[in-house]
């Protein structure tokens, strides 16, 4: 497989997963604010600003907008083409990556990506949004789940499929940590809160809904919503498909199937870093996490996931060059990918 093919399949999966995650987090926040209609402008900003911070785009957002109002944030995260992580741009980027490897994907997958691509670029998308944002987000979420189902049901489960899995699980783990970090300001710097107010319980249930975890959480913990239980479920549960531990387990399996290296060994930094992070998750407790401080722990987790992504590119996408100018060009590409994911590089090599 050419590295450009692996790169496009990897980013196609990441962009589709990213679009779905952004749709869920914005949709849930809109629904949450329906229950808090008496908030003044300052309090509303306190609910929207963490949403922008959770996506990692707060610097770009505040260059264009003085305040995180609901209208500004939703426009920035949903439709703005200049934001590389908006739902609009994520779907366009996913479709472009799929176009570059059209011969590697199935007709069913290509048609579904085209369908949602044409929807998001059409005037009809704006009409649906104006009529019912919830209906709009449901369309995006359904399309993402449909794409994932088509990938698993119609693509050959070969090396390319494992690159898709790696992209999907890496993106999902990253977004789960970011969604969980949205309400960290309501927590003490270290340790878990003793008492949880009704408002806090509503906000933490919104975190669960943003991860499509509400129903699954209730089967284990009932209706008792506590930050400690929510964090334990979203970080350490080994059966819930969107928990960080479950995602890193899937990522670890993917990178090893790509290289053929058995569990307990590694041949590149991506496998080493993934295996190390998985071991930390397997042998951590939620009390230890809160002792460190949930916000600090989540920041460290995001850094580890970024490093795994960079290591994947070093191992399979980029190659060293003897020419210093070419080497500098590659380093710039890597920095851009880590700062904000962009359409795939044109550098190719067989591996």
Protein backbone atom coordinates (compact mmCIF):
# COMPACT_ATOMS: atom_id res chain seq x y z
CA UNK A 1 0.00 0.00 0.00
CA UNK A 2 1.25 3.49 -0.86
CA UNK A 3 1.61 5.86 2.05
CA UNK A 4 -0.69 8.38 0.33
CA UNK A 5 -3.44 5.75 0.30
CA UNK A 6 -2.95 4.98 3.99
CA UNK A 7 -2.91 8.72 4.71
CA UNK A 8 -6.18 9.37 2.89
CA UNK A 9 -8.01 6.42 4.47
CA UNK A 10 -6.76 7.46 7.91
CA UNK A 11 -7.91 11.08 7.53
CA UNK A 12 -11.19 10.14 5.88
CA UNK A 13 -12.07 8.20 9.04
CA UNK A 14 -10.86 10.96 11.36
CA UNK A 15 -12.85 13.69 9.63
CA UNK A 16 -16.08 11.67 9.60
CA UNK A 17 -15.66 10.87 13.30
CA UNK A 18 -14.86 14.52 14.04
CA UNK A 19 -17.97 15.79 12.27
CA UNK A 20 -20.16 13.43 14.30
CA UNK A 21 -18.54 14.40 17.61
CA UNK A 22 -18.94 18.12 16.95
CA UNK A 23 -22.57 17.58 15.95
CA UNK A 24 -23.28 15.75 19.21
CA UNK A 25 -21.57 18.22 21.52
CA UNK A 26 -23.23 21.30 19.95
CA UNK A 27 -26.63 19.60 19.79
CA UNK A 28 -26.49 18.57 23.45
CA UNK A 29 -25.43 22.04 24.55
CA UNK A 30 -28.37 23.58 22.67
CA UNK A 31 -30.73 21.10 24.34
CA UNK A 32 -29.17 21.80 27.74
CA UNK A 33 -29.74 25.54 27.41
CA UNK A 34 -33.43 24.96 26.67
CA UNK A 35 -33.72 23.90 30.32
CA UNK A 36 -31.95 27.08 31.48
CA UNK A 37 -33.88 29.83 29.73
CA UNK A 38 -33.34 32.44 32.45
CA UNK A 39 -29.57 32.74 31.98
CA UNK A 40 -28.17 36.19 31.22
CA UNK A 41 -25.61 36.82 28.46
CA UNK A 42 -22.62 36.33 30.76
CA UNK A 43 -23.87 32.94 31.97
CA UNK A 44 -24.64 31.86 28.39
CA UNK A 45 -21.05 32.63 27.39
CA UNK A 46 -19.89 30.39 30.24
CA UNK A 47 -21.71 27.51 28.56
CA UNK A 48 -20.54 28.21 25.00
CA UNK A 49 -16.91 29.11 25.60
CA UNK A 50 -15.95 25.62 26.90
CA UNK A 51 -17.48 24.12 23.74
CA UNK A 52 -15.04 26.08 21.59
CA UNK A 53 -12.18 25.18 23.91
CA UNK A 54 -13.14 21.50 23.75
CA UNK A 55 -12.63 21.48 19.98
CA UNK A 56 -9.19 23.08 20.33
CA UNK A 57 -10.13 25.99 18.06
CA UNK A 58 -10.53 28.74 20.65
CA UNK A 59 -7.55 30.76 19.35
CA UNK A 60 -8.94 30.91 15.81
CA UNK A 61 -12.44 31.60 17.11
CA UNK A 62 -11.48 34.57 19.29
CA UNK A 63 -9.51 36.14 16.46
CA UNK A 64 -12.79 36.52 14.61
CA UNK A 65 -15.29 36.91 17.48
CA UNK A 66 -15.02 38.99 20.68
CA UNK A 67 -17.42 36.79 22.67
CA UNK A 68 -18.54 33.16 22.58
CA UNK A 69 -22.21 33.77 21.89
CA UNK A 70 -24.45 30.90 20.84
CA UNK A 71 -24.88 32.26 17.29
CA UNK A 72 -21.16 32.86 16.79
CA UNK A 73 -20.10 29.46 18.17
CA UNK A 74 -22.66 27.45 16.23
CA UNK A 75 -21.85 29.21 12.96
CA UNK A 76 -18.11 28.71 13.57
CA UNK A 77 -18.43 25.01 14.43
CA UNK A 78 -21.12 24.06 11.94
CA UNK A 79 -20.89 26.02 8.67
CA UNK A 80 -17.74 28.15 8.57
CA UNK A 81 -15.47 26.92 5.71
CA UNK A 82 -12.48 28.83 7.12
CA UNK A 83 -12.59 26.65 10.24
CA UNK A 84 -10.85 23.38 9.23
CA UNK A 85 -12.68 21.58 12.04
CA UNK A 86 -16.22 22.78 11.32
CA UNK A 87 -18.78 20.14 10.40
CA UNK A 88 -18.96 21.61 6.89
CA UNK A 89 -15.20 21.43 6.35
CA UNK A 90 -14.81 18.02 8.01
CA UNK A 91 -17.32 16.46 5.61
CA UNK A 92 -15.72 18.15 2.63
CA UNK A 93 -12.27 16.94 3.73
CA UNK A 94 -13.53 13.40 4.33
CA UNK A 95 -15.05 13.30 0.85
CA UNK A 96 -11.87 14.72 -0.72
CA UNK A 97 -9.73 12.09 0.99
CA UNK A 98 -12.12 9.39 -0.22
CA UNK A 99 -11.93 10.79 -3.77
CA UNK A 100 -8.15 10.48 -3.73
CA UNK A 101 -8.43 6.74 -3.01
CA UNK A 102 -11.64 6.02 -4.94
CA UNK A 103 -10.26 2.66 -6.12
CA UNK A 104 -9.67 1.56 -2.52
CA UNK A 105 -13.19 2.10 -1.19
CA UNK A 106 -16.55 0.58 -2.11
CA UNK A 107 -19.28 2.10 -4.24
CA UNK A 108 -21.67 2.13 -1.27
CA UNK A 109 -19.20 4.14 0.83
CA UNK A 110 -18.49 6.60 -1.98
CA UNK A 111 -22.20 7.18 -2.59
CA UNK A 112 -22.95 7.84 1.09
CA UNK A 113 -20.04 10.26 1.44
CA UNK A 114 -21.23 12.05 -1.70
CA UNK A 115 -24.78 12.19 -0.36
CA UNK A 116 -23.85 13.90 2.90
CA UNK A 117 -21.32 16.09 1.05
CA UNK A 118 -24.02 17.34 -1.33
CA UNK A 119 -26.38 17.88 1.60
CA UNK A 120 -23.98 20.00 3.64
CA UNK A 121 -23.17 22.18 0.61
CA UNK A 122 -26.79 22.66 -0.46
CA UNK A 123 -29.19 25.50 0.49
CA UNK A 124 -31.40 22.77 1.94
CA UNK A 125 -28.91 22.25 4.79
CA UNK A 126 -29.39 25.86 5.88
CA UNK A 127 -33.15 25.50 5.67
CA UNK A 128 -33.06 22.40 7.87
CA UNK A 129 -30.78 24.22 10.31
CA UNK A 130 -33.08 27.26 10.49
CA UNK A 131 -36.12 25.04 10.98
CA UNK A 132 -34.65 22.62 13.51
CA UNK A 133 -30.97 22.42 14.54
CA UNK A 134 -31.73 19.09 16.21
CA UNK A 135 -32.97 17.66 12.89
CA UNK A 136 -29.83 18.97 11.17
CA UNK A 137 -27.53 17.33 13.72
CA UNK A 138 -29.48 14.09 13.50
CA UNK A 139 -28.77 14.02 9.77
CA UNK A 140 -25.03 14.44 10.40
CA UNK A 141 -24.93 11.82 13.15
CA UNK A 142 -26.95 9.32 11.12
CA UNK A 143 -24.71 9.83 8.09
CA UNK A 144 -21.58 9.25 10.19
CA UNK A 145 -22.96 6.06 11.71
CA UNK A 146 -24.07 4.93 8.25
CA UNK A 147 -20.56 5.50 6.88
CA UNK A 148 -18.98 3.54 9.73
CA UNK A 149 -21.41 0.68 9.16
CA UNK A 150 -20.71 0.65 5.41
CA UNK A 151 -16.95 0.63 6.04
CA UNK A 152 -17.20 -2.36 8.36
CA UNK A 153 -19.71 -4.24 6.20
CA UNK A 154 -18.35 -3.68 2.68
CA UNK A 155 -14.60 -2.94 2.80
CA UNK A 156 -12.08 -5.75 2.80
CA UNK A 157 -10.55 -5.93 6.26
CA UNK A 158 -7.01 -5.57 5.02
CA UNK A 159 -4.23 -3.10 5.76
CA UNK A 160 -6.26 -0.14 4.47
CA UNK A 161 -9.18 -1.02 6.71
CA UNK A 162 -6.87 -1.05 9.72
CA UNK A 163 -5.68 2.47 8.88
CA UNK A 164 -9.35 3.49 8.90
CA UNK A 165 -9.74 1.87 12.32
CA UNK A 166 -6.65 3.65 13.62
CA UNK A 167 -7.97 7.03 12.49
CA UNK A 168 -11.43 6.40 13.88
CA UNK A 169 -10.31 5.23 17.32
CA UNK A 170 -7.65 7.92 17.70
CA UNK A 171 -10.12 10.68 16.86
CA UNK A 172 -12.84 9.22 19.08
CA UNK A 173 -10.53 8.88 22.09
CA UNK A 174 -9.33 12.47 21.66
CA UNK A 175 -12.86 13.87 21.42
CA UNK A 176 -14.05 11.88 24.46
CA UNK A 177 -11.30 13.45 26.57
CA UNK A 178 -12.20 16.90 25.25
CA UNK A 179 -15.93 16.48 25.89
CA UNK A 180 -15.22 15.21 29.41
CA UNK A 181 -13.04 18.27 30.01
CA UNK A 182 -15.84 20.72 29.13
CA UNK A 183 -17.12 20.91 32.74
CA UNK A 184 -13.76 20.75 34.54
CA UNK A 185 -14.28 24.27 35.93
CA UNK A 186 -17.01 22.93 38.21
CA UNK A 187 -14.50 20.56 39.86
CA UNK A 188 -11.84 21.16 42.51
CA UNK A 189 -8.28 21.29 41.18
CA UNK A 190 -7.57 17.91 42.79
CA UNK A 191 -9.92 15.29 44.15
CA UNK A 192 -13.56 14.54 43.37
CA UNK A 193 -16.40 16.79 44.61
CA UNK A 194 -18.28 15.53 47.65
CA UNK A 195 -21.64 17.12 46.89
CA UNK A 196 -23.24 17.51 43.47
CA UNK A 197 -25.97 20.10 42.96
CA UNK A 198 -28.98 19.44 40.70
CA UNK A 199 -27.52 21.87 38.14
CA UNK A 200 -24.18 20.03 38.19
CA UNK A 201 -26.00 16.73 37.71
CA UNK A 202 -27.78 18.11 34.64
CA UNK A 203 -24.52 19.40 33.20
CA UNK A 204 -22.70 16.09 33.73
CA UNK A 205 -25.60 14.17 32.22
CA UNK A 206 -25.13 16.45 29.19
CA UNK A 207 -21.49 15.30 29.03
CA UNK A 208 -22.72 11.71 28.88
CA UNK A 209 -25.22 12.54 26.15
CA UNK A 210 -22.49 14.31 24.17
CA UNK A 211 -20.68 10.96 24.10
CA UNK A 212 -23.88 8.98 23.35
CA UNK A 213 -23.26 7.37 26.72
CA UNK A 214 -26.39 8.17 28.74
CA UNK A 215 -28.23 4.90 28.23
CA UNK A 216 -25.10 2.78 28.61
CA UNK A 217 -24.11 4.68 31.77
CA UNK A 218 -27.54 4.11 33.36
CA UNK A 219 -27.26 0.34 32.92
CA UNK A 220 -24.16 0.40 35.15
CA UNK A 221 -24.63 3.32 37.56
CA UNK A 222 -28.36 3.98 37.42
CA UNK A 223 -29.61 7.55 37.44
CA UNK A 224 -27.01 8.72 40.00
CA UNK A 225 -24.95 11.26 38.04
CA UNK A 226 -21.68 12.08 39.78
CA UNK A 227 -18.50 13.43 38.15
CA UNK A 228 -16.46 10.57 39.60
CA UNK A 229 -18.74 7.93 38.09
CA UNK A 230 -19.00 9.76 34.77
CA UNK A 231 -15.20 10.09 34.50
CA UNK A 232 -14.67 6.44 35.42
CA UNK A 233 -17.15 5.32 32.77
CA UNK A 234 -15.84 7.54 29.94
CA UNK A 235 -12.17 6.92 30.71
CA UNK A 236 -11.78 3.41 32.06
CA UNK A 237 -14.75 1.27 31.01
CA UNK A 238 -13.50 -1.54 28.77
CA UNK A 239 -16.86 -2.35 27.15
CA UNK A 240 -18.32 1.03 26.14
CA UNK A 241 -17.30 1.83 22.51
CA UNK A 242 -16.57 5.51 23.19
CA UNK A 243 -14.58 5.20 26.40
CA UNK A 244 -10.92 6.16 26.12
CA UNK A 245 -9.79 2.72 27.24
CA UNK A 246 -11.95 0.95 24.64
CA UNK A 247 -10.70 3.30 21.89
CA UNK A 248 -7.03 2.94 22.81
CA UNK A 249 -7.50 -0.84 22.89
CA UNK A 250 -8.88 -0.67 19.34
CA UNK A 251 -6.07 1.67 18.29
CA UNK A 252 -3.47 -0.66 19.77
CA UNK A 253 -4.96 -3.59 17.85
CA UNK A 254 -4.98 -1.58 14.61
CA UNK A 255 -1.36 -0.43 14.73
CA UNK A 256 -0.21 -3.98 15.49
CA UNK A 257 -2.23 -5.47 12.64
CA UNK A 258 -0.68 -2.91 10.30
CA UNK A 259 2.89 -3.85 11.27
CA UNK A 260 2.34 -7.49 12.21
CA UNK A 261 4.11 -7.07 15.54
CA UNK A 262 2.73 -9.16 18.40
CA UNK A 263 1.40 -7.78 21.69
CA UNK A 264 4.19 -6.98 24.15
CA UNK A 265 6.63 -5.93 21.41
CA UNK A 266 7.00 -2.89 19.15
CA UNK A 267 8.84 -1.87 16.01
CA UNK A 268 8.03 1.85 15.95
CA UNK A 269 7.11 4.68 18.31
CA UNK A 270 3.40 4.51 17.43
CA UNK A 271 3.17 0.98 18.81
CA UNK A 272 5.31 1.82 21.81
CA UNK A 273 3.32 4.91 22.80
CA UNK A 274 -0.03 3.24 22.19
CA UNK A 275 0.89 0.16 24.23
CA UNK A 276 2.22 2.30 27.07
CA UNK A 277 -0.92 4.46 27.21
CA UNK A 278 -3.16 1.38 27.12
CA UNK A 279 -1.25 -0.17 30.04
CA UNK A 280 -1.69 3.04 32.05
CA UNK A 281 -5.44 2.97 31.42
CA UNK A 282 -5.70 -0.72 32.29
CA UNK A 283 -3.94 -0.27 35.63
CA UNK A 284 -5.35 3.11 36.70
CA UNK A 285 -8.23 3.86 39.03
CA UNK A 286 -10.56 6.84 38.93
CA UNK A 287 -9.43 7.87 42.43
CA UNK A 288 -5.83 8.11 41.19
CA UNK A 289 -7.02 10.21 38.26
CA UNK A 290 -8.86 12.67 40.50
CA UNK A 291 -5.88 12.80 42.84
CA UNK A 292 -3.80 14.02 39.90
CA UNK A 293 -6.61 16.38 38.91
CA UNK A 294 -9.08 15.48 36.16
CA UNK A 295 -8.22 18.51 34.01
CA UNK A 296 -4.48 17.82 34.21
CA UNK A 297 -5.02 14.12 33.49
CA UNK A 298 -7.12 14.90 30.41
CA UNK A 299 -4.56 17.40 29.13
CA UNK A 300 -1.86 14.73 29.47
CA UNK A 301 -4.09 12.18 27.71
CA UNK A 302 -4.65 14.54 24.77
CA UNK A 303 -0.90 15.12 24.50
CA UNK A 304 -0.29 11.36 24.44
CA UNK A 305 -2.88 10.89 21.70
CA UNK A 306 -1.31 13.73 19.68
CA UNK A 307 2.09 12.07 20.05
CA UNK A 308 0.67 8.74 18.87
CA UNK A 309 -0.79 10.45 15.81
CA UNK A 310 2.56 12.11 15.05
CA UNK A 311 4.36 8.79 15.49
CA UNK A 312 1.98 7.12 13.02
CA UNK A 313 2.93 9.70 10.42
CA UNK A 314 6.61 9.26 11.10
CA UNK A 315 6.31 5.51 10.72
CA UNK A 316 4.06 5.24 7.67
CA UNK A 317 3.59 8.56 5.87
CA UNK A 318 6.73 10.69 5.98
CA UNK A 319 10.25 9.61 5.13
CA UNK A 320 13.64 11.23 5.88
CA UNK A 321 15.34 13.15 3.06
CA UNK A 322 19.01 13.82 2.56
CA UNK A 323 18.37 17.30 1.15
CA UNK A 324 18.08 19.81 4.06
CA UNK A 325 15.44 21.86 2.18
CA UNK A 326 13.27 18.79 1.67
CA UNK A 327 13.73 17.81 5.32
CA UNK A 328 12.60 21.28 6.44
CA UNK A 329 9.53 20.97 4.21
CA UNK A 330 8.60 17.65 5.83
CA UNK A 331 9.01 19.10 9.33
CA UNK A 332 6.65 21.96 8.42
CA UNK A 333 4.08 19.45 7.16
CA UNK A 334 4.28 17.52 10.45
CA UNK A 335 3.83 20.65 12.54
CA UNK A 336 0.77 21.67 10.52
CA UNK A 337 -0.77 18.23 10.93
CA UNK A 338 -0.27 18.31 14.70
CA UNK A 339 -1.48 21.89 15.10
CA UNK A 340 -4.66 21.33 13.12
CA UNK A 341 -5.35 18.38 10.84
CA UNK A 342 -5.36 19.40 7.20
CA UNK A 343 -5.92 17.64 3.87
CA UNK A 344 -3.28 14.94 3.32
CA UNK A 345 0.20 15.70 2.13
CA UNK A 346 1.18 14.86 -1.44
CA UNK A 347 4.37 13.14 -0.27
CA UNK A 348 4.22 9.48 -1.16
CA UNK A 349 6.39 6.44 -0.80
CA UNK A 350 5.79 2.70 -0.79
CA UNK A 351 6.36 0.90 2.47
